[in-house]
Amino acid sequence: MSLPDDLPVSESLAVFLGVTGFQWLTEGRAGLLLPLSLAAASGIAILAIRRYRMRRKRQQH
């Protein structure tokens, strides 16, 4: 089973690394729950926006 092409894996990973890095620089340690939840939420939002745009583009043509 292959993954869909519109999964925002790299974007979610970038959010996770960005939040983790920011926490590490500001607090001296990095948590796991906050970066994972923010990365998951941003990934879901990006996926929903991509699917909405794709569906809208198909309806226009």
C-alpha atoms as a PDB file:
ATOM      1  CA  MET A   1       0.000   0.000   0.000  1.00  0.00           C
ATOM      2  CA  SER A   2       1.502   3.304  -1.045  1.00  0.00           C
ATOM      3  CA  LEU A   3       1.061   6.661   0.617  1.00  0.00           C
ATOM      4  CA  PRO A   4      -0.844   9.459  -1.125  1.00  0.00           C
ATOM      5  CA  ASP A   5       1.246  12.086  -2.893  1.00  0.00           C
ATOM      6  CA  ASP A   6      -0.302  14.976  -0.999  1.00  0.00           C
ATOM      7  CA  LEU A   7       0.779  13.888   2.502  1.00  0.00           C
ATOM      8  CA  PRO A   8       2.708  16.769   4.115  1.00  0.00           C
ATOM      9  CA  VAL A   9       5.508  14.670   5.607  1.00  0.00           C
ATOM     10  CA  SER A  10       8.332  17.152   5.040  1.00  0.00           C
ATOM     11  CA  GLU A  11       6.243  20.089   6.266  1.00  0.00           C
ATOM     12  CA  SER A  12       5.253  18.236   9.439  1.00  0.00           C
ATOM     13  CA  LEU A  13       8.844  17.211  10.054  1.00  0.00           C
ATOM     14  CA  ALA A  14       9.956  20.822   9.601  1.00  0.00           C
ATOM     15  CA  VAL A  15       7.387  22.008  12.166  1.00  0.00           C
ATOM     16  CA  PHE A  16       8.490  19.303  14.607  1.00  0.00           C
ATOM     17  CA  LEU A  17      12.175  20.167  14.244  1.00  0.00           C
ATOM     18  CA  GLY A  18      11.483  23.890  14.421  1.00  0.00           C
ATOM     19  CA  VAL A  19       9.462  23.674  17.628  1.00  0.00           C
ATOM     20  CA  THR A  20      11.913  21.220  19.188  1.00  0.00           C
ATOM     21  CA  GLY A  21      14.867  23.431  18.272  1.00  0.00           C
ATOM     22  CA  PHE A  22      13.164  26.534  19.606  1.00  0.00           C
ATOM     23  CA  GLN A  23      12.380  24.801  22.900  1.00  0.00           C
ATOM     24  CA  TRP A  24      15.921  23.532  23.176  1.00  0.00           C
ATOM     25  CA  LEU A  25      17.398  26.979  22.558  1.00  0.00           C
ATOM     26  CA  THR A  26      15.061  28.875  24.871  1.00  0.00           C
ATOM     27  CA  GLU A  27      14.546  26.383  27.714  1.00  0.00           C
ATOM     28  CA  GLY A  28      17.673  24.255  27.456  1.00  0.00           C
ATOM     29  CA  ARG A  29      15.606  21.110  26.906  1.00  0.00           C
ATOM     30  CA  ALA A  30      13.117  19.904  24.350  1.00  0.00           C
ATOM     31  CA  GLY A  31       9.803  18.299  25.137  1.00  0.00           C
ATOM     32  CA  LEU A  32       8.163  15.734  22.942  1.00  0.00           C
ATOM     33  CA  LEU A  33       4.423  16.190  23.373  1.00  0.00           C
ATOM     34  CA  LEU A  34       4.110  19.814  22.230  1.00  0.00           C
ATOM     35  CA  PRO A  35       6.213  19.443  19.056  1.00  0.00           C
ATOM     36  CA  LEU A  36       4.421  16.224  18.087  1.00  0.00           C
ATOM     37  CA  SER A  37       0.990  17.725  18.609  1.00  0.00           C
ATOM     38  CA  LEU A  38       1.844  20.909  16.684  1.00  0.00           C
ATOM     39  CA  ALA A  39       3.394  18.911  13.839  1.00  0.00           C
ATOM     40  CA  ALA A  40       0.350  16.651  13.647  1.00  0.00           C
ATOM     41  CA  ALA A  41      -2.054  19.592  13.724  1.00  0.00           C
ATOM     42  CA  SER A  42      -0.165  21.469  11.027  1.00  0.00           C
ATOM     43  CA  GLY A  43       0.089  18.314   8.900  1.00  0.00           C
ATOM     44  CA  ILE A  44      -3.653  17.730   9.148  1.00  0.00           C
ATOM     45  CA  ALA A  45      -4.345  21.373   8.281  1.00  0.00           C
ATOM     46  CA  ILE A  46      -2.018  21.288   5.257  1.00  0.00           C
ATOM     47  CA  LEU A  47      -3.550  18.013   4.057  1.00  0.00           C
ATOM     48  CA  ALA A  48      -7.082  19.405   4.407  1.00  0.00           C
ATOM     49  CA  ILE A  49      -6.165  22.563   2.494  1.00  0.00           C
ATOM     50  CA  ARG A  50      -4.511  20.562  -0.298  1.00  0.00           C
ATOM     51  CA  ARG A  51      -7.495  18.250  -0.658  1.00  0.00           C
ATOM     52  CA  TYR A  52      -9.909  21.211  -0.638  1.00  0.00           C
ATOM     53  CA  ARG A  53      -7.937  23.004  -3.359  1.00  0.00           C
ATOM     54  CA  MET A  54      -7.695  19.842  -5.451  1.00  0.00           C
ATOM     55  CA  ARG A  55     -11.434  19.215  -5.176  1.00  0.00           C
ATOM     56  CA  ARG A  56     -12.198  22.843  -6.027  1.00  0.00           C
ATOM     57  CA  LYS A  57      -9.879  22.748  -9.050  1.00  0.00           C
ATOM     58  CA  ARG A  58     -11.607  19.598 -10.349  1.00  0.00           C
ATOM     59  CA  GLN A  59     -15.040  21.204 -10.015  1.00  0.00           C
ATOM     60  CA  GLN A  60     -13.989  24.273 -11.988  1.00  0.00           C
ATOM     61  CA  HIS A  61     -12.909  22.246 -15.011  1.00  0.00           C
END
